[in-house]
Amino acid sequence: MDPTDAQTACFEAGIKFGTLYHQFAGTPVSPASADSLARAMEEAIENQPYCESVTVDVLVDELEAELAESTADYTELTGRFVEVEMTIDYEGNEVHTRMDMQDGYPLMRVVDVRSDS
């Protein structure tokens, strides 16, 4: 059986999250570079097919707390420093997604699926 358009839209969202997380995890980040890194992440993912919008929020307070215990001026980007929202539109099926920390893990999930039909 072929997947439905809504299922394909959800799959596309998963592809975007995988790309976003694994492409940027480990990137050096500081409070001063957080905004530019967030914009670069958004623009990279928005290039992909069916991506309507991406919002990346690098959590500067979390970065500052991490760096307060360090002699370094930067740390590596991990899921605990980022919140992401994405909207994917495939054949009139709009998928809203989110990534944030849940029980110590950067959870990527579908928030809702809306269909034109």
PDB file of N, CA and C in Angstrom:
ATOM      1  N   MET A   1       0.842  -1.168   0.000  1.00  0.00           N
ATOM      2  CA  MET A   1       0.000   0.000   0.000  1.00  0.00           C
ATOM      3  C   MET A   1       0.895   1.242   0.000  1.00  0.00           C
ATOM      4  N   ASP A   2       0.562   2.195  -0.825  1.00  0.00           N
ATOM      5  CA  ASP A   2       1.303   3.449  -0.888  1.00  0.00           C
ATOM      6  C   ASP A   2       0.987   4.298   0.338  1.00  0.00           C
ATOM      7  N   PRO A   3       1.960   5.080   0.807  1.00  0.00           N
ATOM      8  CA  PRO A   3       1.685   5.965   1.935  1.00  0.00           C
ATOM      9  C   PRO A   3       0.706   7.065   1.522  1.00  0.00           C
ATOM     10  N   THR A   4      -0.044   7.557   2.493  1.00  0.00           N
ATOM     11  CA  THR A   4      -0.935   8.676   2.247  1.00  0.00           C
ATOM     12  C   THR A   4      -0.093   9.944   2.120  1.00  0.00           C
ATOM     13  N   ASP A   5      -0.684  11.002   1.602  1.00  0.00           N
ATOM     14  CA  ASP A   5       0.030  12.283   1.521  1.00  0.00           C
ATOM     15  C   ASP A   5       0.392  12.792   2.915  1.00  0.00           C
ATOM     16  N   ALA A   6      -0.476  12.586   3.894  1.00  0.00           N
ATOM     17  CA  ALA A   6      -0.180  13.013   5.267  1.00  0.00           C
ATOM     18  C   ALA A   6       1.009  12.232   5.820  1.00  0.00           C
ATOM     19  N   GLN A   7       1.078  10.938   5.543  1.00  0.00           N
ATOM     20  CA  GLN A   7       2.218  10.137   5.994  1.00  0.00           C
ATOM     21  C   GLN A   7       3.503  10.599   5.315  1.00  0.00           C
ATOM     22  N   THR A   8       3.420  10.905   4.037  1.00  0.00           N
ATOM     23  CA  THR A   8       4.593  11.401   3.313  1.00  0.00           C
ATOM     24  C   THR A   8       5.041  12.738   3.898  1.00  0.00           C
ATOM     25  N   ALA A   9       4.100  13.605   4.247  1.00  0.00           N
ATOM     26  CA  ALA A   9       4.436  14.894   4.859  1.00  0.00           C
ATOM     27  C   ALA A   9       5.170  14.674   6.187  1.00  0.00           C
ATOM     28  N   CYS A  10       4.719  13.726   6.978  1.00  0.00           N
ATOM     29  CA  CYS A  10       5.385  13.416   8.253  1.00  0.00           C
ATOM     30  C   CYS A  10       6.790  12.865   8.010  1.00  0.00           C
ATOM     31  N   PHE A  11       6.929  12.014   7.007  1.00  0.00           N
ATOM     32  CA  PHE A  11       8.242  11.493   6.643  1.00  0.00           C
ATOM     33  C   PHE A  11       9.178  12.636   6.260  1.00  0.00           C
ATOM     34  N   GLU A  12       8.683  13.569   5.454  1.00  0.00           N
ATOM     35  CA  GLU A  12       9.490  14.723   5.055  1.00  0.00           C
ATOM     36  C   GLU A  12       9.939  15.525   6.272  1.00  0.00           C
ATOM     37  N   ALA A  13       9.077  15.666   7.258  1.00  0.00           N
ATOM     38  CA  ALA A  13       9.454  16.378   8.487  1.00  0.00           C
ATOM     39  C   ALA A  13      10.593  15.641   9.187  1.00  0.00           C
ATOM     40  N   GLY A  14      10.515  14.328   9.235  1.00  0.00           N
ATOM     41  CA  GLY A  14      11.572  13.539   9.857  1.00  0.00           C
ATOM     42  C   GLY A  14      12.906  13.705   9.150  1.00  0.00           C
ATOM     43  N   ILE A  15      12.873  13.740   7.826  1.00  0.00           N
ATOM     44  CA  ILE A  15      14.093  13.952   7.046  1.00  0.00           C
ATOM     45  C   ILE A  15      14.713  15.304   7.403  1.00  0.00           C
ATOM     46  N   LYS A  16      13.886  16.322   7.505  1.00  0.00           N
ATOM     47  CA  LYS A  16      14.398  17.662   7.817  1.00  0.00           C
ATOM     48  C   LYS A  16      15.027  17.701   9.214  1.00  0.00           C
ATOM     49  N   PHE A  17      14.369  17.055  10.190  1.00  0.00           N
ATOM     50  CA  PHE A  17      14.926  17.027  11.541  1.00  0.00           C
ATOM     51  C   PHE A  17      16.250  16.271  11.573  1.00  0.00           C
ATOM     52  N   GLY A  18      16.317  15.145  10.874  1.00  0.00           N
ATOM     53  CA  GLY A  18      17.563  14.392  10.834  1.00  0.00           C
ATOM     54  C   GLY A  18      18.691  15.208  10.237  1.00  0.00           C
ATOM     55  N   THR A  19      18.390  15.913   9.171  1.00  0.00           N
ATOM     56  CA  THR A  19      19.384  16.766   8.528  1.00  0.00           C
ATOM     57  C   THR A  19      19.816  17.879   9.468  1.00  0.00           C
ATOM     58  N   LEU A  20      18.861  18.557  10.053  1.00  0.00           N
ATOM     59  CA  LEU A  20      19.161  19.678  10.934  1.00  0.00           C
ATOM     60  C   LEU A  20      20.020  19.235  12.104  1.00  0.00           C
ATOM     61  N   TYR A  21      19.597  18.191  12.782  1.00  0.00           N
ATOM     62  CA  TYR A  21      20.301  17.785  13.994  1.00  0.00           C
ATOM     63  C   TYR A  21      21.696  17.260  13.676  1.00  0.00           C
ATOM     64  N   HIS A  22      21.799  16.352  12.736  1.00  0.00           N
ATOM     65  CA  HIS A  22      23.073  15.700  12.493  1.00  0.00           C
ATOM     66  C   HIS A  22      24.048  16.560  11.698  1.00  0.00           C
ATOM     67  N   GLN A  23      23.545  17.522  10.973  1.00  0.00           N
ATOM     68  CA  GLN A  23      24.439  18.441  10.270  1.00  0.00           C
ATOM     69  C   GLN A  23      25.067  19.432  11.241  1.00  0.00           C
ATOM     70  N   PHE A  24      24.317  19.871  12.236  1.00  0.00           N
ATOM     71  CA  PHE A  24      24.795  20.948  13.093  1.00  0.00           C
ATOM     72  C   PHE A  24      25.246  20.508  14.483  1.00  0.00           C
ATOM     73  N   ALA A  25      24.924  19.305  14.915  1.00  0.00           N
ATOM     74  CA  ALA A  25      25.399  18.834  16.224  1.00  0.00           C
ATOM     75  C   ALA A  25      26.923  18.859  16.231  1.00  0.00           C
ATOM     76  N   GLY A  26      27.487  19.402  17.274  1.00  0.00           N
ATOM     77  CA  GLY A  26      28.934  19.500  17.390  1.00  0.00           C
ATOM     78  C   GLY A  26      29.510  20.808  16.892  1.00  0.00           C
ATOM     79  N   THR A  27      28.688  21.646  16.266  1.00  0.00           N
ATOM     80  CA  THR A  27      29.165  22.943  15.786  1.00  0.00           C
ATOM     81  C   THR A  27      29.565  23.810  16.979  1.00  0.00           C
ATOM     82  N   PRO A  28      30.729  24.453  16.940  1.00  0.00           N
ATOM     83  CA  PRO A  28      31.090  25.365  18.012  1.00  0.00           C
ATOM     84  C   PRO A  28      30.073  26.514  18.090  1.00  0.00           C
ATOM     85  N   VAL A  29      29.618  26.814  19.297  1.00  0.00           N
ATOM     86  CA  VAL A  29      28.638  27.878  19.482  1.00  0.00           C
ATOM     87  C   VAL A  29      28.925  28.611  20.791  1.00  0.00           C
ATOM     88  N   SER A  30      28.696  29.905  20.746  1.00  0.00           N
ATOM     89  CA  SER A  30      28.842  30.759  21.928  1.00  0.00           C
ATOM     90  C   SER A  30      27.607  31.650  21.995  1.00  0.00           C
ATOM     91  N   PRO A  31      27.404  32.315  23.118  1.00  0.00           N
ATOM     92  CA  PRO A  31      26.284  33.258  23.165  1.00  0.00           C
ATOM     93  C   PRO A  31      26.368  34.307  22.052  1.00  0.00           C
ATOM     94  N   ALA A  32      27.573  34.741  21.692  1.00  0.00           N
ATOM     95  CA  ALA A  32      27.730  35.758  20.652  1.00  0.00           C
ATOM     96  C   ALA A  32      27.387  35.228  19.257  1.00  0.00           C
ATOM     97  N   SER A  33      27.581  33.925  19.022  1.00  0.00           N
ATOM     98  CA  SER A  33      27.322  33.368  17.685  1.00  0.00           C
ATOM     99  C   SER A  33      25.976  32.650  17.589  1.00  0.00           C
ATOM    100  N   ALA A  34      25.230  32.611  18.675  1.00  0.00           N
ATOM    101  CA  ALA A  34      23.983  31.839  18.712  1.00  0.00           C
ATOM    102  C   ALA A  34      22.981  32.282  17.651  1.00  0.00           C
ATOM    103  N   ASP A  35      22.764  33.579  17.502  1.00  0.00           N
ATOM    104  CA  ASP A  35      21.777  34.059  16.524  1.00  0.00           C
ATOM    105  C   ASP A  35      22.180  33.737  15.092  1.00  0.00           C
ATOM    106  N   SER A  36      23.454  33.935  14.769  1.00  0.00           N
ATOM    107  CA  SER A  36      23.872  33.656  13.392  1.00  0.00           C
ATOM    108  C   SER A  36      23.820  32.160  13.091  1.00  0.00           C
ATOM    109  N   LEU A  37      24.136  31.325  14.069  1.00  0.00           N
ATOM    110  CA  LEU A  37      24.032  29.881  13.864  1.00  0.00           C
ATOM    111  C   LEU A  37      22.567  29.478  13.686  1.00  0.00           C
ATOM    112  N   ALA A  38      21.680  30.044  14.482  1.00  0.00           N
ATOM    113  CA  ALA A  38      20.249  29.740  14.343  1.00  0.00           C
ATOM    114  C   ALA A  38      19.752  30.112  12.949  1.00  0.00           C
ATOM    115  N   ARG A  39      20.132  31.283  12.443  1.00  0.00           N
ATOM    116  CA  ARG A  39      19.705  31.698  11.098  1.00  0.00           C
ATOM    117  C   ARG A  39      20.270  30.764  10.028  1.00  0.00           C
ATOM    118  N   ALA A  40      21.528  30.365  10.180  1.00  0.00           N
ATOM    119  CA  ALA A  40      22.136  29.449   9.205  1.00  0.00           C
ATOM    120  C   ALA A  40      21.394  28.112   9.197  1.00  0.00           C
ATOM    121  N   MET A  41      21.015  27.625  10.364  1.00  0.00           N
ATOM    122  CA  MET A  41      20.275  26.372  10.453  1.00  0.00           C
ATOM    123  C   MET A  41      18.920  26.502   9.762  1.00  0.00           C
ATOM    124  N   GLU A  42      18.230  27.591  10.041  1.00  0.00           N
ATOM    125  CA  GLU A  42      16.923  27.824   9.413  1.00  0.00           C
ATOM    126  C   GLU A  42      17.043  27.874   7.891  1.00  0.00           C
ATOM    127  N   GLU A  43      17.980  28.659   7.409  1.00  0.00           N
ATOM    128  CA  GLU A  43      18.121  28.824   5.963  1.00  0.00           C
ATOM    129  C   GLU A  43      18.525  27.527   5.278  1.00  0.00           C
ATOM    130  N   ALA A  44      19.361  26.733   5.913  1.00  0.00           N
ATOM    131  CA  ALA A  44      19.768  25.457   5.323  1.00  0.00           C
ATOM    132  C   ALA A  44      18.568  24.521   5.176  1.00  0.00           C
ATOM    133  N   ILE A  45      17.741  24.423   6.195  1.00  0.00           N
ATOM    134  CA  ILE A  45      16.609  23.503   6.150  1.00  0.00           C
ATOM    135  C   ILE A  45      15.507  24.036   5.243  1.00  0.00           C
ATOM    136  N   GLU A  46      15.307  25.346   5.215  1.00  0.00           N
ATOM    137  CA  GLU A  46      14.277  25.922   4.336  1.00  0.00           C
ATOM    138  C   GLU A  46      14.566  25.670   2.857  1.00  0.00           C
ATOM    139  N   ASN A  47      15.796  25.342   2.505  1.00  0.00           N
ATOM    140  CA  ASN A  47      16.129  25.004   1.127  1.00  0.00           C
ATOM    141  C   ASN A  47      15.523  23.679   0.686  1.00  0.00           C
ATOM    142  N   GLN A  48      15.177  22.834   1.609  1.00  0.00           N
ATOM    143  CA  GLN A  48      14.697  21.496   1.274  1.00  0.00           C
ATOM    144  C   GLN A  48      13.253  21.539   0.785  1.00  0.00           C
ATOM    145  N   PRO A  49      12.892  20.573  -0.059  1.00  0.00           N
ATOM    146  CA  PRO A  49      11.530  20.520  -0.604  1.00  0.00           C
ATOM    147  C   PRO A  49      10.473  20.430   0.493  1.00  0.00           C
ATOM    148  N   TYR A  50       9.352  21.088   0.253  1.00  0.00           N
ATOM    149  CA  TYR A  50       8.143  21.044   1.077  1.00  0.00           C
ATOM    150  C   TYR A  50       8.270  21.764   2.413  1.00  0.00           C
ATOM    151  N   CYS A  51       9.402  22.388   2.688  1.00  0.00           N
ATOM    152  CA  CYS A  51       9.583  23.084   3.956  1.00  0.00           C
ATOM    153  C   CYS A  51       8.993  24.481   3.839  1.00  0.00           C
ATOM    154  N   GLU A  52       7.980  24.743   4.620  1.00  0.00           N
ATOM    155  CA  GLU A  52       7.326  26.050   4.613  1.00  0.00           C
ATOM    156  C   GLU A  52       8.004  27.032   5.557  1.00  0.00           C
ATOM    157  N   SER A  53       8.396  26.553   6.733  1.00  0.00           N
ATOM    158  CA  SER A  53       9.049  27.443   7.697  1.00  0.00           C
ATOM    159  C   SER A  53       9.841  26.635   8.719  1.00  0.00           C
ATOM    160  N   VAL A  54      10.881  27.275   9.227  1.00  0.00           N
ATOM    161  CA  VAL A  54      11.706  26.707  10.289  1.00  0.00           C
ATOM    162  C   VAL A  54      12.049  27.837  11.251  1.00  0.00           C
ATOM    163  N   THR A  55      11.886  27.579  12.528  1.00  0.00           N
ATOM    164  CA  THR A  55      12.311  28.526  13.555  1.00  0.00           C
ATOM    165  C   THR A  55      13.255  27.789  14.495  1.00  0.00           C
ATOM    166  N   VAL A  56      14.479  28.284  14.582  1.00  0.00           N
ATOM    167  CA  VAL A  56      15.479  27.708  15.474  1.00  0.00           C
ATOM    168  C   VAL A  56      15.774  28.724  16.561  1.00  0.00           C
ATOM    169  N   ASP A  57      15.695  28.285  17.796  1.00  0.00           N
ATOM    170  CA  ASP A  57      16.013  29.137  18.935  1.00  0.00           C
ATOM    171  C   ASP A  57      17.170  28.490  19.684  1.00  0.00           C
ATOM    172  N   VAL A  58      18.355  29.100  19.584  1.00  0.00           N
ATOM    173  CA  VAL A  58      19.489  28.635  20.376  1.00  0.00           C
ATOM    174  C   VAL A  58      19.330  29.263  21.756  1.00  0.00           C
ATOM    175  N   LEU A  59      19.308  28.450  22.772  1.00  0.00           N
ATOM    176  CA  LEU A  59      19.008  28.883  24.137  1.00  0.00           C
ATOM    177  C   LEU A  59      20.250  29.494  24.787  1.00  0.00           C
ATOM    178  N   VAL A  60      20.356  30.793  24.660  1.00  0.00           N
ATOM    179  CA  VAL A  60      21.539  31.514  25.127  1.00  0.00           C
ATOM    180  C   VAL A  60      21.728  31.361  26.636  1.00  0.00           C
ATOM    181  N   ASP A  61      20.646  31.374  27.407  1.00  0.00           N
ATOM    182  CA  ASP A  61      20.776  31.196  28.866  1.00  0.00           C
ATOM    183  C   ASP A  61      21.408  29.848  29.199  1.00  0.00           C
ATOM    184  N   GLU A  62      21.020  28.814  28.463  1.00  0.00           N
ATOM    185  CA  GLU A  62      21.599  27.482  28.669  1.00  0.00           C
ATOM    186  C   GLU A  62      23.082  27.481  28.294  1.00  0.00           C
ATOM    187  N   LEU A  63      23.420  28.147  27.187  1.00  0.00           N
ATOM    188  CA  LEU A  63      24.827  28.248  26.790  1.00  0.00           C
ATOM    189  C   LEU A  63      25.651  28.960  27.858  1.00  0.00           C
ATOM    190  N   GLU A  64      25.118  30.076  28.350  1.00  0.00           N
ATOM    191  CA  GLU A  64      25.838  30.846  29.365  1.00  0.00           C
ATOM    192  C   GLU A  64      26.043  30.034  30.631  1.00  0.00           C
ATOM    193  N   ALA A  65      25.046  29.254  31.024  1.00  0.00           N
ATOM    194  CA  ALA A  65      25.176  28.399  32.211  1.00  0.00           C
ATOM    195  C   ALA A  65      26.250  27.339  31.993  1.00  0.00           C
ATOM    196  N   GLU A  66      26.278  26.756  30.818  1.00  0.00           N
ATOM    197  CA  GLU A  66      27.298  25.760  30.480  1.00  0.00           C
ATOM    198  C   GLU A  66      28.698  26.370  30.523  1.00  0.00           C
ATOM    199  N   LEU A  67      28.832  27.551  29.967  1.00  0.00           N
ATOM    200  CA  LEU A  67      30.135  28.192  29.881  1.00  0.00           C
ATOM    201  C   LEU A  67      30.601  28.770  31.212  1.00  0.00           C
ATOM    202  N   ALA A  68      29.700  29.004  32.139  1.00  0.00           N
ATOM    203  CA  ALA A  68      30.078  29.539  33.448  1.00  0.00           C
ATOM    204  C   ALA A  68      31.008  28.576  34.183  1.00  0.00           C
ATOM    205  N   GLU A  69      30.902  27.292  33.888  1.00  0.00           N
ATOM    206  CA  GLU A  69      31.727  26.267  34.532  1.00  0.00           C
ATOM    207  C   GLU A  69      32.967  25.926  33.715  1.00  0.00           C
ATOM    208  N   SER A  70      33.223  26.674  32.654  1.00  0.00           N
ATOM    209  CA  SER A  70      34.286  26.330  31.712  1.00  0.00           C
ATOM    210  C   SER A  70      35.266  27.479  31.535  1.00  0.00           C
ATOM    211  N   THR A  71      36.474  27.138  31.111  1.00  0.00           N
ATOM    212  CA  THR A  71      37.448  28.179  30.765  1.00  0.00           C
ATOM    213  C   THR A  71      37.328  28.566  29.297  1.00  0.00           C
ATOM    214  N   ALA A  72      36.549  27.813  28.534  1.00  0.00           N
ATOM    215  CA  ALA A  72      36.370  28.084  27.104  1.00  0.00           C
ATOM    216  C   ALA A  72      35.313  29.162  26.895  1.00  0.00           C
ATOM    217  N   ASP A  73      35.359  29.782  25.713  1.00  0.00           N
ATOM    218  CA  ASP A  73      34.388  30.804  25.344  1.00  0.00           C
ATOM    219  C   ASP A  73      33.250  30.248  24.499  1.00  0.00           C
ATOM    220  N   TYR A  74      33.300  28.950  24.207  1.00  0.00           N
ATOM    221  CA  TYR A  74      32.279  28.316  23.383  1.00  0.00           C
ATOM    222  C   TYR A  74      32.094  26.870  23.837  1.00  0.00           C
ATOM    223  N   THR A  75      31.051  26.252  23.335  1.00  0.00           N
ATOM    224  CA  THR A  75      30.805  24.832  23.580  1.00  0.00           C
ATOM    225  C   THR A  75      30.296  24.216  22.288  1.00  0.00           C
ATOM    226  N   GLU A  76      30.042  22.930  22.300  1.00  0.00           N
ATOM    227  CA  GLU A  76      29.495  22.257  21.126  1.00  0.00           C
ATOM    228  C   GLU A  76      27.976  22.287  21.177  1.00  0.00           C
ATOM    229  N   LEU A  77      27.372  22.525  20.039  1.00  0.00           N
ATOM    230  CA  LEU A  77      25.919  22.524  19.947  1.00  0.00           C
ATOM    231  C   LEU A  77      25.387  21.104  20.157  1.00  0.00           C
ATOM    232  N   THR A  78      24.444  20.982  21.052  1.00  0.00           N
ATOM    233  CA  THR A  78      23.711  19.730  21.263  1.00  0.00           C
ATOM    234  C   THR A  78      22.233  20.072  21.348  1.00  0.00           C
ATOM    235  N   GLY A  79      21.406  19.056  21.376  1.00  0.00           N
ATOM    236  CA  GLY A  79      19.963  19.264  21.446  1.00  0.00           C
ATOM    237  C   GLY A  79      19.501  20.030  22.664  1.00  0.00           C
ATOM    238  N   ARG A  80      20.259  19.986  23.721  1.00  0.00           N
ATOM    239  CA  ARG A  80      19.806  20.697  24.928  1.00  0.00           C
ATOM    240  C   ARG A  80      19.915  22.210  24.804  1.00  0.00           C
ATOM    241  N   PHE A  81      20.609  22.683  23.778  1.00  0.00           N
ATOM    242  CA  PHE A  81      20.760  24.122  23.560  1.00  0.00           C
ATOM    243  C   PHE A  81      19.848  24.667  22.470  1.00  0.00           C
ATOM    244  N   VAL A  82      18.966  23.832  21.916  1.00  0.00           N
ATOM    245  CA  VAL A  82      18.187  24.246  20.752  1.00  0.00           C
ATOM    246  C   VAL A  82      16.721  23.845  20.892  1.00  0.00           C
ATOM    247  N   GLU A  83      15.839  24.754  20.498  1.00  0.00           N
ATOM    248  CA  GLU A  83      14.424  24.439  20.301  1.00  0.00           C
ATOM    249  C   GLU A  83      14.104  24.768  18.851  1.00  0.00           C
ATOM    250  N   VAL A  84      13.359  23.876  18.204  1.00  0.00           N
ATOM    251  CA  VAL A  84      13.075  24.025  16.777  1.00  0.00           C
ATOM    252  C   VAL A  84      11.594  23.797  16.530  1.00  0.00           C
ATOM    253  N   GLU A  85      11.022  24.601  15.654  1.00  0.00           N
ATOM    254  CA  GLU A  85       9.674  24.368  15.141  1.00  0.00           C
ATOM    255  C   GLU A  85       9.754  24.393  13.625  1.00  0.00           C
ATOM    256  N   MET A  86       9.040  23.464  12.986  1.00  0.00           N
ATOM    257  CA  MET A  86       9.024  23.391  11.524  1.00  0.00           C
ATOM    258  C   MET A  86       7.608  23.157  11.039  1.00  0.00           C
ATOM    259  N   THR A  87       7.337  23.695   9.858  1.00  0.00           N
ATOM    260  CA  THR A  87       6.087  23.408   9.159  1.00  0.00           C
ATOM    261  C   THR A  87       6.446  22.861   7.785  1.00  0.00           C
ATOM    262  N   ILE A  88       5.890  21.705   7.478  1.00  0.00           N
ATOM    263  CA  ILE A  88       6.084  21.038   6.200  1.00  0.00           C
ATOM    264  C   ILE A  88       4.733  21.005   5.503  1.00  0.00           C
ATOM    265  N   ASP A  89       4.720  21.291   4.209  1.00  0.00           N
ATOM    266  CA  ASP A  89       3.476  21.228   3.435  1.00  0.00           C
ATOM    267  C   ASP A  89       3.698  20.323   2.230  1.00  0.00           C
ATOM    268  N   TYR A  90       3.005  19.198   2.221  1.00  0.00           N
ATOM    269  CA  TYR A  90       3.102  18.253   1.121  1.00  0.00           C
ATOM    270  C   TYR A  90       1.700  17.966   0.602  1.00  0.00           C
ATOM    271  N   GLU A  91       1.440  18.397  -0.625  1.00  0.00           N
ATOM    272  CA  GLU A  91       0.154  18.124  -1.276  1.00  0.00           C
ATOM    273  C   GLU A  91      -1.036  18.533  -0.402  1.00  0.00           C
ATOM    274  N   GLY A  92      -0.946  19.713   0.208  1.00  0.00           N
ATOM    275  CA  GLY A  92      -2.050  20.220   1.018  1.00  0.00           C
ATOM    276  C   GLY A  92      -2.140  19.641   2.418  1.00  0.00           C
ATOM    277  N   ASN A  93      -1.147  18.884   2.814  1.00  0.00           N
ATOM    278  CA  ASN A  93      -1.072  18.340   4.175  1.00  0.00           C
ATOM    279  C   ASN A  93       0.026  19.088   4.911  1.00  0.00           C
ATOM    280  N   GLU A  94      -0.381  19.837   5.907  1.00  0.00           N
ATOM    281  CA  GLU A  94       0.548  20.679   6.654  1.00  0.00           C
ATOM    282  C   GLU A  94       0.881  19.987   7.981  1.00  0.00           C
ATOM    283  N   VAL A  95       2.170  19.744   8.187  1.00  0.00           N
ATOM    284  CA  VAL A  95       2.647  19.076   9.399  1.00  0.00           C
ATOM    285  C   VAL A  95       3.403  20.100  10.234  1.00  0.00           C
ATOM    286  N   HIS A  96       3.001  20.236  11.482  1.00  0.00           N
ATOM    287  CA  HIS A  96       3.674  21.115  12.430  1.00  0.00           C
ATOM    288  C   HIS A  96       4.479  20.228  13.379  1.00  0.00           C
ATOM    289  N   THR A  97       5.762  20.559  13.526  1.00  0.00           N
ATOM    290  CA  THR A  97       6.660  19.739  14.327  1.00  0.00           C
ATOM    291  C   THR A  97       7.407  20.591  15.333  1.00  0.00           C
ATOM    292  N   ARG A  98       8.024  19.915  16.296  1.00  0.00           N
ATOM    293  CA  ARG A  98       8.773  20.616  17.327  1.00  0.00           C
ATOM    294  C   ARG A  98       9.878  19.705  17.852  1.00  0.00           C
ATOM    295  N   MET A  99      10.999  20.314  18.210  1.00  0.00           N
ATOM    296  CA  MET A  99      12.061  19.620  18.929  1.00  0.00           C
ATOM    297  C   MET A  99      12.404  20.439  20.157  1.00  0.00           C
ATOM    298  N   ASP A 100      12.363  19.786  21.303  1.00  0.00           N
ATOM    299  CA  ASP A 100      12.816  20.390  22.543  1.00  0.00           C
ATOM    300  C   ASP A 100      13.184  19.271  23.505  1.00  0.00           C
ATOM    301  N   MET A 101      13.724  19.643  24.627  1.00  0.00           N
ATOM    302  CA  MET A 101      14.168  18.640  25.594  1.00  0.00           C
ATOM    303  C   MET A 101      12.978  18.065  26.349  1.00  0.00           C
ATOM    304  N   GLN A 102      12.929  16.753  26.408  1.00  0.00           N
ATOM    305  CA  GLN A 102      11.924  16.026  27.172  1.00  0.00           C
ATOM    306  C   GLN A 102      12.655  14.930  27.948  1.00  0.00           C
ATOM    307  N   ASP A 103      12.636  15.016  29.257  1.00  0.00           N
ATOM    308  CA  ASP A 103      13.300  14.020  30.105  1.00  0.00           C
ATOM    309  C   ASP A 103      14.772  13.833  29.735  1.00  0.00           C
ATOM    310  N   GLY A 104      15.460  14.931  29.454  1.00  0.00           N
ATOM    311  CA  GLY A 104      16.878  14.888  29.163  1.00  0.00           C
ATOM    312  C   GLY A 104      17.240  14.464  27.753  1.00  0.00           C
ATOM    313  N   TYR A 105      16.262  14.401  26.866  1.00  0.00           N
ATOM    314  CA  TYR A 105      16.489  13.953  25.489  1.00  0.00           C
ATOM    315  C   TYR A 105      15.896  14.961  24.517  1.00  0.00           C
ATOM    316  N   PRO A 106      16.607  15.289  23.420  1.00  0.00           N
ATOM    317  CA  PRO A 106      16.035  16.216  22.436  1.00  0.00           C
ATOM    318  C   PRO A 106      14.979  15.498  21.585  1.00  0.00           C
ATOM    319  N   LEU A 107      13.739  15.624  21.985  1.00  0.00           N
ATOM    320  CA  LEU A 107      12.638  14.907  21.345  1.00  0.00           C
ATOM    321  C   LEU A 107      12.122  15.676  20.132  1.00  0.00           C
ATOM    322  N   MET A 108      12.099  14.997  19.000  1.00  0.00           N
ATOM    323  CA  MET A 108      11.551  15.543  17.755  1.00  0.00           C
ATOM    324  C   MET A 108      10.191  14.894  17.561  1.00  0.00           C
ATOM    325  N   ARG A 109       9.149  15.718  17.392  1.00  0.00           N
ATOM    326  CA  ARG A 109       7.813  15.126  17.327  1.00  0.00           C
ATOM    327  C   ARG A 109       6.885  15.910  16.411  1.00  0.00           C
ATOM    328  N   VAL A 110       5.852  15.212  15.954  1.00  0.00           N
ATOM    329  CA  VAL A 110       4.775  15.847  15.202  1.00  0.00           C
ATOM    330  C   VAL A 110       3.819  16.446  16.219  1.00  0.00           C
ATOM    331  N   VAL A 111       3.524  17.718  16.058  1.00  0.00           N
ATOM    332  CA  VAL A 111       2.580  18.397  16.947  1.00  0.00           C
ATOM    333  C   VAL A 111       1.167  18.209  16.412  1.00  0.00           C
ATOM    334  N   ASP A 112       0.989  18.450  15.105  1.00  0.00           N
ATOM    335  CA  ASP A 112      -0.307  18.181  14.476  1.00  0.00           C
ATOM    336  C   ASP A 112      -0.165  18.102  12.963  1.00  0.00           C
ATOM    337  N   VAL A 113      -1.187  17.533  12.345  1.00  0.00           N
ATOM    338  CA  VAL A 113      -1.263  17.396  10.887  1.00  0.00           C
ATOM    339  C   VAL A 113      -2.603  17.953  10.465  1.00  0.00           C
ATOM    340  N   ARG A 114      -2.571  18.858   9.517  1.00  0.00           N
ATOM    341  CA  ARG A 114      -3.807  19.447   8.985  1.00  0.00           C
ATOM    342  C   ARG A 114      -3.875  19.178   7.481  1.00  0.00           C
ATOM    343  N   SER A 115      -5.063  18.895   7.023  1.00  0.00           N
ATOM    344  CA  SER A 115      -5.241  18.597   5.611  1.00  0.00           C
ATOM    345  C   SER A 115      -6.254  19.526   4.993  1.00  0.00           C
ATOM    346  N   ASP A 116      -6.002  19.913   3.739  1.00  0.00           N
ATOM    347  CA  ASP A 116      -6.953  20.757   3.004  1.00  0.00           C
ATOM    348  C   ASP A 116      -8.220  19.993   2.655  1.00  0.00           C
ATOM    349  N   SER A 117      -8.125  18.671   2.608  1.00  0.00           N
ATOM    350  CA  SER A 117      -9.282  17.889   2.179  1.00  0.00           C
ATOM    351  C   SER A 117     -10.147  17.415   3.322  1.00  0.00           C
TER     352      SER A 117
END
